[in-house]
Structures are given as C-alpha cells and as structure tokens.
Amino acid sequence: MIYFVGAGSGAPDLITVRGARLLKQADVIIYAGSLVNPALLTFAKEDCTLYNSAKMTLEEVLSVMREAEAAGLETTVRLHTGDPCLYGAVQEQMDALADMGLAYAYVPGVSSFCGAAAALRAEYTLPGVSQSVIITRLAGRTPVPEQENIRSLAAHGCTMVIFLSAGLTEALQSELLAGGLAADTPAAIVYKATWPDEKTVRCTVGTLHQAARKEGIQKTALILVGRFLGGEYARSRLYDPTFSTGWRKGNQR
C-alpha cells in the first residue's frame, strides 16, 4: 500500500498520530527534502529506504513506488509538507498510481496556513471583519489562471493567505494595492511556521516589501493580509447569552 502523508507545518509533533504510525512501519519513505523537517525521519525503522524527492522527477518518484509494490513491500510513504492538498503536486501522483492499478490512501496533515495563524495567535474568520479566506499565490515562473490574479482577489477584501510569494514581495505589494487594498491594511510575514526558527513580522500592505527585505526573508514564508490582524471585531453570536442554539436557549432579557 502507498500512503500520501501530510507531514504537518514543521514541528515533528504536529504530524498526525496516523501519519507517525505509518512512518514507523514504512519500508520506503519518499520525502520532500527541501521542506519536510528531517526530524520526522527519526520515526523510520532502521531498514527503511529513504528517498529525497527534492532531487527527483515525477517519473523517478513513481518508479520507486512501482518497484516497492512489485517487490511486495508492505508500506510505502510519500511524505509531503503541510497537507498535500495545497500546492503539493499530489493529484498527478495519485492519478498515475490509479492508471497503474496501484492502491493508495491519503492521510491529511496540518497545513502551514494553520501554523501561521497559531504563530500570530490570530483567527482568520472574525465576526464583522472577514468570513472568507482566500488561499492563493502570486504568479511567478509558474502562472496562475488570469481570473485568479492577486489584483482581482484583493478586491474582495477577504482574509488572504499567500503561499510561494515571499521572494516576490515587491510585485505582490504592488498587486495588492492595485486591487484596492489600503496601504495601511494589516499584513504579516510568517517564516517557517512552527519550526524552531519560526519568525513573525507584522507590517502593512504598504510596508510589506520593505519589511521582508529588512528581515531578509525570501522563501519558506507565508504572507497574511487582512483586517483580521487589526484587533477589532464583533463578539461571536455563538456564545452570546441572548442567542439561542440547538443546545441552549438564549436569555432575551
């Protein structure tokens, strides 16, 4: 069996119990070496074979999986950073395995966008501020669909979590402003969320590039944008004593 496992956002104890169990029993682990915390590899048993996918092509990764299955090995783990559903290039792997008739399963992980919120002690969806989260990235060497460009998305005024753009902050700042966000809109840069060397930098949309350059952050960071970082919001109705729910009758007095 082949398992796609989300490694979590960085800290090795943020992998799921299921993910850790599979790492311990794996005969083969193919891990994203440029992003996965190497401490997670200490879960592997002594005779487990390790492959660093940072140095491999898709075809080479699939070849290792196919050979492991042909050899009758019980467990192969494909270890992705965060949760594979976000920028994990996982769909093409699953589709290829399905075409080859090889069985696989998917074990979710804690995404770095969750780790970034924890690092800032922030909530993305605040009453009266934002009830939607846009997860996206700036177009670079890899394009994005034209209708999903940063300028268009910024116009919604929602909370934004921007991946894979820490090295493009000058262009990102320009696009956010062109999309209608005010220069004083709160923003933050979270470098290596939940890792030992985690760093958070609070700034504004208008000072985003300056802050990134000052801190020397050019990769392995998320850019967070929105008024959820501003400190003002309405109280939740869920726990309001006057608000009735299926579990509690509100006190109208």
C-alpha atoms as a PDB file:
ATOM      1  CA  MET A   1       0.000   0.000   0.000  1.00  0.00           C
ATOM      2  CA  ILE A   2       1.182   3.518  -0.807  1.00  0.00           C
ATOM      3  CA  TYR A   3       0.294   6.324   1.589  1.00  0.00           C
ATOM      4  CA  PHE A   4       0.433  10.052   0.881  1.00  0.00           C
ATOM      5  CA  VAL A   5       1.078  11.566   4.299  1.00  0.00           C
ATOM      6  CA  GLY A   6       0.922  15.219   5.305  1.00  0.00           C
ATOM      7  CA  ALA A   7       3.993  15.928   7.426  1.00  0.00           C
ATOM      8  CA  GLY A   8       2.450  18.941   9.139  1.00  0.00           C
ATOM      9  CA  SER A   9       3.639  22.517   9.186  1.00  0.00           C
ATOM     10  CA  GLY A  10       7.114  21.884  10.604  1.00  0.00           C
ATOM     11  CA  ALA A  11       7.219  20.797  14.235  1.00  0.00           C
ATOM     12  CA  PRO A  12       7.621  16.996  14.243  1.00  0.00           C
ATOM     13  CA  ASP A  13       4.985  16.552  16.954  1.00  0.00           C
ATOM     14  CA  LEU A  14       2.375  18.197  14.711  1.00  0.00           C
ATOM     15  CA  ILE A  15       2.190  15.188  12.409  1.00  0.00           C
ATOM     16  CA  THR A  16      -0.994  13.200  12.963  1.00  0.00           C
ATOM     17  CA  VAL A  17      -0.982  10.034  15.058  1.00  0.00           C
ATOM     18  CA  ARG A  18      -1.836   8.061  11.907  1.00  0.00           C
ATOM     19  CA  GLY A  19       0.968   9.688   9.943  1.00  0.00           C
ATOM     20  CA  ALA A  20       3.526   8.927  12.658  1.00  0.00           C
ATOM     21  CA  ARG A  21       2.371   5.296  12.816  1.00  0.00           C
ATOM     22  CA  LEU A  22       2.805   4.894   9.074  1.00  0.00           C
ATOM     23  CA  LEU A  23       6.304   6.429   9.180  1.00  0.00           C
ATOM     24  CA  LYS A  24       7.285   3.912  11.860  1.00  0.00           C
ATOM     25  CA  GLN A  25       6.127   0.933   9.815  1.00  0.00           C
ATOM     26  CA  ALA A  26       7.217   2.162   6.369  1.00  0.00           C
ATOM     27  CA  ASP A  27       9.579   0.081   4.235  1.00  0.00           C
ATOM     28  CA  VAL A  28      10.139   3.043   1.893  1.00  0.00           C
ATOM     29  CA  ILE A  29       9.783   6.772   2.571  1.00  0.00           C
ATOM     30  CA  ILE A  30       9.915   9.315  -0.244  1.00  0.00           C
ATOM     31  CA  TYR A  31      10.090  12.713   1.436  1.00  0.00           C
ATOM     32  CA  ALA A  32      10.083  16.308   0.205  1.00  0.00           C
ATOM     33  CA  GLY A  33      13.594  17.077   1.417  1.00  0.00           C
ATOM     34  CA  SER A  34      13.529  20.792   0.689  1.00  0.00           C
ATOM     35  CA  LEU A  35      10.557  21.362   3.008  1.00  0.00           C
ATOM     36  CA  VAL A  36       9.928  18.449   5.404  1.00  0.00           C
ATOM     37  CA  ASN A  37      11.540  18.673   8.835  1.00  0.00           C
ATOM     38  CA  PRO A  38      14.298  15.995   8.843  1.00  0.00           C
ATOM     39  CA  ALA A  39      13.441  15.229  12.483  1.00  0.00           C
ATOM     40  CA  LEU A  40      10.422  13.323  11.150  1.00  0.00           C
ATOM     41  CA  LEU A  41      12.754  10.787   9.553  1.00  0.00           C
ATOM     42  CA  THR A  42      13.804   9.629  13.024  1.00  0.00           C
ATOM     43  CA  PHE A  43      10.452   7.820  13.124  1.00  0.00           C
ATOM     44  CA  ALA A  44      11.683   5.481  10.363  1.00  0.00           C
ATOM     45  CA  LYS A  45      12.825   1.967  11.240  1.00  0.00           C
ATOM     46  CA  GLU A  46      16.468   1.014  10.650  1.00  0.00           C
ATOM     47  CA  ASP A  47      15.926  -0.937   7.440  1.00  0.00           C
ATOM     48  CA  CYS A  48      13.636   1.678   5.836  1.00  0.00           C
ATOM     49  CA  THR A  49      14.895   3.036   2.498  1.00  0.00           C
ATOM     50  CA  LEU A  50      14.769   6.827   2.228  1.00  0.00           C
ATOM     51  CA  TYR A  51      14.473   8.900  -0.962  1.00  0.00           C
ATOM     52  CA  ASN A  52      14.717  12.690  -1.132  1.00  0.00           C
ATOM     53  CA  SER A  53      12.194  13.796  -3.764  1.00  0.00           C
ATOM     54  CA  ALA A  54      13.780  17.274  -3.989  1.00  0.00           C
ATOM     55  CA  LYS A  55      16.321  15.631  -6.292  1.00  0.00           C
ATOM     56  CA  MET A  56      13.806  13.509  -8.215  1.00  0.00           C
ATOM     57  CA  THR A  57      11.371  13.936 -11.101  1.00  0.00           C
ATOM     58  CA  LEU A  58       7.766  12.760 -11.030  1.00  0.00           C
ATOM     59  CA  GLU A  59       8.750   9.767 -13.149  1.00  0.00           C
ATOM     60  CA  GLU A  60      11.502   8.802 -10.709  1.00  0.00           C
ATOM     61  CA  VAL A  61       9.147   9.057  -7.739  1.00  0.00           C
ATOM     62  CA  LEU A  62       6.594   6.852  -9.475  1.00  0.00           C
ATOM     63  CA  SER A  63       9.305   4.359 -10.400  1.00  0.00           C
ATOM     64  CA  VAL A  64      10.285   3.956  -6.736  1.00  0.00           C
ATOM     65  CA  MET A  65       6.646   3.402  -5.790  1.00  0.00           C
ATOM     66  CA  ARG A  66       6.118   0.879  -8.562  1.00  0.00           C
ATOM     67  CA  GLU A  67       9.269  -1.051  -7.679  1.00  0.00           C
ATOM     68  CA  ALA A  68       8.346  -1.147  -3.991  1.00  0.00           C
ATOM     69  CA  GLU A  69       4.947  -2.588  -4.836  1.00  0.00           C
ATOM     70  CA  ALA A  70       6.453  -5.114  -7.264  1.00  0.00           C
ATOM     71  CA  ALA A  71       8.863  -6.245  -4.544  1.00  0.00           C
ATOM     72  CA  GLY A  72       5.935  -6.932  -2.232  1.00  0.00           C
ATOM     73  CA  LEU A  73       6.918  -4.316   0.348  1.00  0.00           C
ATOM     74  CA  GLU A  74       4.070  -3.671   2.742  1.00  0.00           C
ATOM     75  CA  THR A  75       4.160   0.110   3.231  1.00  0.00           C
ATOM     76  CA  THR A  76       5.454   2.985   1.120  1.00  0.00           C
ATOM     77  CA  VAL A  77       5.039   6.526   2.461  1.00  0.00           C
ATOM     78  CA  ARG A  78       5.135   9.605   0.248  1.00  0.00           C
ATOM     79  CA  LEU A  79       5.774  12.348   2.819  1.00  0.00           C
ATOM     80  CA  HIS A  80       4.621  15.819   1.796  1.00  0.00           C
ATOM     81  CA  THR A  81       4.995  19.057   3.715  1.00  0.00           C
ATOM     82  CA  GLY A  82       1.925  20.522   5.439  1.00  0.00           C
ATOM     83  CA  ASP A  83      -1.128  18.989   3.837  1.00  0.00           C
ATOM     84  CA  PRO A  84      -0.638  17.679   0.284  1.00  0.00           C
ATOM     85  CA  CYS A  85      -3.902  19.234  -0.905  1.00  0.00           C
ATOM     86  CA  LEU A  86      -2.264  22.689  -1.029  1.00  0.00           C
ATOM     87  CA  TYR A  87       0.486  23.133  -3.621  1.00  0.00           C
ATOM     88  CA  GLY A  88       1.545  19.521  -3.112  1.00  0.00           C
ATOM     89  CA  ALA A  89       1.541  18.327  -6.747  1.00  0.00           C
ATOM     90  CA  VAL A  90      -0.212  15.265  -5.364  1.00  0.00           C
ATOM     91  CA  GLN A  91      -3.068  14.824  -7.846  1.00  0.00           C
ATOM     92  CA  GLU A  92      -0.754  13.870 -10.695  1.00  0.00           C
ATOM     93  CA  GLN A  93       0.841  11.212  -8.500  1.00  0.00           C
ATOM     94  CA  MET A  94      -2.492   9.731  -7.419  1.00  0.00           C
ATOM     95  CA  ASP A  95      -3.801   9.688 -10.978  1.00  0.00           C
ATOM     96  CA  ALA A  96      -0.650   7.940 -12.199  1.00  0.00           C
ATOM     97  CA  LEU A  97      -0.959   5.277  -9.479  1.00  0.00           C
ATOM     98  CA  ALA A  98      -4.606   4.740 -10.393  1.00  0.00           C
ATOM     99  CA  ASP A  99      -3.584   4.268 -14.044  1.00  0.00           C
ATOM    100  CA  MET A 100      -1.025   1.665 -12.936  1.00  0.00           C
ATOM    101  CA  GLY A 101      -3.600  -0.102 -10.792  1.00  0.00           C
ATOM    102  CA  LEU A 102      -1.692   0.537  -7.572  1.00  0.00           C
ATOM    103  CA  ALA A 103      -3.587   1.054  -4.321  1.00  0.00           C
ATOM    104  CA  TYR A 104      -3.033   4.235  -2.341  1.00  0.00           C
ATOM    105  CA  ALA A 105      -4.517   6.248   0.518  1.00  0.00           C
ATOM    106  CA  TYR A 106      -4.265   9.859   1.665  1.00  0.00           C
ATOM    107  CA  VAL A 107      -3.512  10.954   5.242  1.00  0.00           C
ATOM    108  CA  PRO A 108      -4.093  14.697   5.811  1.00  0.00           C
ATOM    109  CA  GLY A 109      -1.724  16.934   7.746  1.00  0.00           C
ATOM    110  CA  VAL A 110      -1.655  20.319   9.474  1.00  0.00           C
ATOM    111  CA  SER A 111      -1.132  22.956   6.788  1.00  0.00           C
ATOM    112  CA  SER A 112       1.337  25.784   7.267  1.00  0.00           C
ATOM    113  CA  PHE A 113      -1.534  28.266   6.959  1.00  0.00           C
ATOM    114  CA  CYS A 114      -2.859  26.828  10.230  1.00  0.00           C
ATOM    115  CA  GLY A 115       0.611  27.017  11.748  1.00  0.00           C
ATOM    116  CA  ALA A 116       0.910  30.655  10.662  1.00  0.00           C
ATOM    117  CA  ALA A 117      -2.340  31.586  12.412  1.00  0.00           C
ATOM    118  CA  ALA A 118      -1.087  29.840  15.557  1.00  0.00           C
ATOM    119  CA  ALA A 119       2.214  31.729  15.368  1.00  0.00           C
ATOM    120  CA  LEU A 120       0.322  35.043  15.253  1.00  0.00           C
ATOM    121  CA  ARG A 121      -2.333  33.932  17.750  1.00  0.00           C
ATOM    122  CA  ALA A 122      -4.868  35.002  15.191  1.00  0.00           C
ATOM    123  CA  GLU A 123      -8.244  33.854  13.852  1.00  0.00           C
ATOM    124  CA  TYR A 124      -8.813  34.211  10.119  1.00  0.00           C
ATOM    125  CA  THR A 125     -12.609  34.423  10.310  1.00  0.00           C
ATOM    126  CA  LEU A 126     -13.721  37.162  12.680  1.00  0.00           C
ATOM    127  CA  PRO A 127     -17.352  38.336  13.035  1.00  0.00           C
ATOM    128  CA  GLY A 128     -17.886  41.643  11.319  1.00  0.00           C
ATOM    129  CA  VAL A 129     -14.427  41.538   9.721  1.00  0.00           C
ATOM    130  CA  SER A 130     -14.000  38.577   7.378  1.00  0.00           C
ATOM    131  CA  GLN A 131     -15.840  35.304   6.929  1.00  0.00           C
ATOM    132  CA  SER A 132     -13.863  34.097   3.924  1.00  0.00           C
ATOM    133  CA  VAL A 133     -10.240  33.047   3.462  1.00  0.00           C
ATOM    134  CA  ILE A 134      -8.527  33.214   0.087  1.00  0.00           C
ATOM    135  CA  ILE A 135      -5.546  30.869  -0.214  1.00  0.00           C
ATOM    136  CA  THR A 136      -3.501  31.744  -3.269  1.00  0.00           C
ATOM    137  CA  ARG A 137      -0.090  32.700  -4.629  1.00  0.00           C
ATOM    138  CA  LEU A 138       1.406  35.333  -6.882  1.00  0.00           C
ATOM    139  CA  ALA A 139       2.139  34.340 -10.470  1.00  0.00           C
ATOM    140  CA  GLY A 140       5.856  33.801 -10.997  1.00  0.00           C
ATOM    141  CA  ARG A 141       7.690  31.270 -13.131  1.00  0.00           C
ATOM    142  CA  THR A 142       4.531  29.184 -12.797  1.00  0.00           C
ATOM    143  CA  PRO A 143       1.451  31.101 -13.964  1.00  0.00           C
ATOM    144  CA  VAL A 144      -1.963  31.260 -12.303  1.00  0.00           C
ATOM    145  CA  PRO A 145      -5.323  31.463 -14.110  1.00  0.00           C
ATOM    146  CA  GLU A 146      -5.905  35.066 -15.165  1.00  0.00           C
ATOM    147  CA  GLN A 147      -9.167  35.331 -13.222  1.00  0.00           C
ATOM    148  CA  GLU A 148      -7.250  34.379 -10.046  1.00  0.00           C
ATOM    149  CA  ASN A 149      -4.602  37.078 -10.192  1.00  0.00           C
ATOM    150  CA  ILE A 150      -3.782  38.800  -6.893  1.00  0.00           C
ATOM    151  CA  ARG A 151      -5.231  42.121  -8.035  1.00  0.00           C
ATOM    152  CA  SER A 152      -8.651  40.571  -8.673  1.00  0.00           C
ATOM    153  CA  LEU A 153      -8.679  38.568  -5.445  1.00  0.00           C
ATOM    154  CA  ALA A 154      -7.583  41.529  -3.319  1.00  0.00           C
ATOM    155  CA  ALA A 155     -10.674  43.437  -4.460  1.00  0.00           C
ATOM    156  CA  HIS A 156     -12.848  41.139  -2.295  1.00  0.00           C
ATOM    157  CA  GLY A 157     -11.297  42.467   0.920  1.00  0.00           C
ATOM    158  CA  CYS A 158     -11.243  38.980   2.424  1.00  0.00           C
ATOM    159  CA  THR A 159      -8.557  37.448   4.588  1.00  0.00           C
ATOM    160  CA  MET A 160      -5.724  36.369   2.273  1.00  0.00           C
ATOM    161  CA  VAL A 161      -3.100  33.684   2.869  1.00  0.00           C
ATOM    162  CA  ILE A 162      -0.463  33.895   0.156  1.00  0.00           C
ATOM    163  CA  PHE A 163       1.875  30.978  -0.453  1.00  0.00           C
ATOM    164  CA  LEU A 164       5.056  30.746  -2.527  1.00  0.00           C
ATOM    165  CA  SER A 165       5.485  34.522  -2.848  1.00  0.00           C
ATOM    166  CA  ALA A 166       7.995  35.542  -0.186  1.00  0.00           C
ATOM    167  CA  GLY A 167      10.634  36.215  -2.832  1.00  0.00           C
ATOM    168  CA  LEU A 168       8.273  38.410  -4.844  1.00  0.00           C
ATOM    169  CA  THR A 169       7.083  40.876  -2.227  1.00  0.00           C
ATOM    170  CA  GLU A 170       7.647  44.000  -4.321  1.00  0.00           C
ATOM    171  CA  ALA A 171       5.336  42.740  -7.072  1.00  0.00           C
ATOM    172  CA  LEU A 172       2.936  41.306  -4.504  1.00  0.00           C
ATOM    173  CA  GLN A 173       2.642  44.631  -2.681  1.00  0.00           C
ATOM    174  CA  SER A 174       2.002  46.435  -5.946  1.00  0.00           C
ATOM    175  CA  GLU A 175      -0.766  44.000  -6.944  1.00  0.00           C
ATOM    176  CA  LEU A 176      -2.462  44.151  -3.537  1.00  0.00           C
ATOM    177  CA  LEU A 177      -2.567  47.954  -3.688  1.00  0.00           C
ATOM    178  CA  ALA A 178      -3.780  47.890  -7.295  1.00  0.00           C
ATOM    179  CA  GLY A 179      -6.576  45.568  -6.163  1.00  0.00           C
ATOM    180  CA  GLY A 180      -7.938  48.278  -3.904  1.00  0.00           C
ATOM    181  CA  LEU A 181      -6.446  47.437  -0.514  1.00  0.00           C
ATOM    182  CA  ALA A 182      -5.414  50.479   1.508  1.00  0.00           C
ATOM    183  CA  ALA A 183      -1.730  50.888   2.258  1.00  0.00           C
ATOM    184  CA  ASP A 184      -2.470  50.649   5.993  1.00  0.00           C
ATOM    185  CA  THR A 185      -4.238  47.269   5.676  1.00  0.00           C
ATOM    186  CA  PRO A 186      -2.626  44.973   8.272  1.00  0.00           C
ATOM    187  CA  ALA A 187      -0.298  42.264   6.981  1.00  0.00           C
ATOM    188  CA  ALA A 188       2.193  39.782   8.376  1.00  0.00           C
ATOM    189  CA  ILE A 189       5.025  37.572   7.203  1.00  0.00           C
ATOM    190  CA  VAL A 190       5.390  34.218   8.942  1.00  0.00           C
ATOM    191  CA  TYR A 191       8.699  32.493   8.290  1.00  0.00           C
ATOM    192  CA  LYS A 192       8.859  28.710   8.882  1.00  0.00           C
ATOM    193  CA  ALA A 193       5.705  28.475  10.981  1.00  0.00           C
ATOM    194  CA  THR A 194       6.038  26.011  13.913  1.00  0.00           C
ATOM    195  CA  TRP A 195       9.759  25.343  13.240  1.00  0.00           C
ATOM    196  CA  PRO A 196      12.314  26.137  15.972  1.00  0.00           C
ATOM    197  CA  ASP A 197      13.488  29.176  13.972  1.00  0.00           C
ATOM    198  CA  GLU A 198       9.979  30.500  13.335  1.00  0.00           C
ATOM    199  CA  LYS A 199       9.786  34.252  12.863  1.00  0.00           C
ATOM    200  CA  THR A 200       6.765  36.555  12.607  1.00  0.00           C
ATOM    201  CA  VAL A 201       6.894  40.056  11.166  1.00  0.00           C
ATOM    202  CA  ARG A 202       3.894  42.362  11.402  1.00  0.00           C
ATOM    203  CA  CYS A 203       3.599  45.122   8.848  1.00  0.00           C
ATOM    204  CA  THR A 204       1.063  46.654   6.466  1.00  0.00           C
ATOM    205  CA  VAL A 205       0.373  46.165   2.791  1.00  0.00           C
ATOM    206  CA  GLY A 206       2.213  49.422   2.147  1.00  0.00           C
ATOM    207  CA  THR A 207       5.329  48.291   4.037  1.00  0.00           C
ATOM    208  CA  LEU A 208       5.288  44.619   3.042  1.00  0.00           C
ATOM    209  CA  HIS A 209       8.272  44.661   0.689  1.00  0.00           C
ATOM    210  CA  GLN A 210      10.314  46.860   2.999  1.00  0.00           C
ATOM    211  CA  ALA A 211       9.647  44.524   5.950  1.00  0.00           C
ATOM    212  CA  ALA A 212      10.567  41.392   4.005  1.00  0.00           C
ATOM    213  CA  ARG A 213      13.773  42.968   2.735  1.00  0.00           C
ATOM    214  CA  LYS A 214      14.731  44.248   6.193  1.00  0.00           C
ATOM    215  CA  GLU A 215      14.279  40.777   7.730  1.00  0.00           C
ATOM    216  CA  GLY A 216      15.980  39.010   4.821  1.00  0.00           C
ATOM    217  CA  ILE A 217      13.003  36.735   4.204  1.00  0.00           C
ATOM    218  CA  GLN A 218      12.826  35.431   0.638  1.00  0.00           C
ATOM    219  CA  LYS A 219      11.444  31.897   0.945  1.00  0.00           C
ATOM    220  CA  THR A 220       9.696  29.401   3.242  1.00  0.00           C
ATOM    221  CA  ALA A 221       7.245  32.030   4.459  1.00  0.00           C
ATOM    222  CA  LEU A 222       3.566  32.867   4.184  1.00  0.00           C
ATOM    223  CA  ILE A 223       2.178  36.355   3.616  1.00  0.00           C
ATOM    224  CA  LEU A 224      -1.036  37.069   5.511  1.00  0.00           C
ATOM    225  CA  VAL A 225      -3.192  40.065   4.633  1.00  0.00           C
ATOM    226  CA  GLY A 226      -6.400  41.408   6.083  1.00  0.00           C
ATOM    227  CA  ARG A 227      -8.203  43.268   8.799  1.00  0.00           C
ATOM    228  CA  PHE A 228      -8.343  40.101  10.925  1.00  0.00           C
ATOM    229  CA  LEU A 229      -4.900  41.278  12.086  1.00  0.00           C
ATOM    230  CA  GLY A 230      -6.240  44.659  13.167  1.00  0.00           C
ATOM    231  CA  GLY A 231      -7.596  43.771  16.600  1.00  0.00           C
ATOM    232  CA  GLU A 232     -11.181  44.992  16.095  1.00  0.00           C
ATOM    233  CA  TYR A 233     -14.092  42.588  15.632  1.00  0.00           C
ATOM    234  CA  ALA A 234     -17.627  41.842  16.826  1.00  0.00           C
ATOM    235  CA  ARG A 235     -18.387  39.329  19.544  1.00  0.00           C
ATOM    236  CA  SER A 236     -19.371  35.867  18.322  1.00  0.00           C
ATOM    237  CA  ARG A 237     -23.103  35.197  18.378  1.00  0.00           C
ATOM    238  CA  LEU A 238     -22.472  31.532  19.144  1.00  0.00           C
ATOM    239  CA  TYR A 239     -21.611  32.228  22.779  1.00  0.00           C
ATOM    240  CA  ASP A 240     -23.771  35.309  23.214  1.00  0.00           C
ATOM    241  CA  PRO A 241     -26.160  34.707  26.168  1.00  0.00           C
ATOM    242  CA  THR A 242     -29.052  36.190  24.162  1.00  0.00           C
ATOM    243  CA  PHE A 243     -28.513  33.881  21.170  1.00  0.00           C
ATOM    244  CA  SER A 244     -30.415  30.582  21.017  1.00  0.00           C
ATOM    245  CA  THR A 245     -28.840  27.458  19.533  1.00  0.00           C
ATOM    246  CA  GLY A 246     -29.826  23.808  19.244  1.00  0.00           C
ATOM    247  CA  TRP A 247     -28.093  23.277  22.590  1.00  0.00           C
ATOM    248  CA  ARG A 248     -29.002  26.379  24.558  1.00  0.00           C
ATOM    249  CA  LYS A 249     -31.950  28.763  24.798  1.00  0.00           C
ATOM    250  CA  GLY A 250     -30.959  32.412  24.755  1.00  0.00           C
ATOM    251  CA  ASN A 251     -31.884  34.752  27.573  1.00  0.00           C
ATOM    252  CA  GLN A 252     -33.740  37.544  25.831  1.00  0.00           C
ATOM    253  CA  ARG A 253     -33.572  39.751  28.900  1.00  0.00           C
END
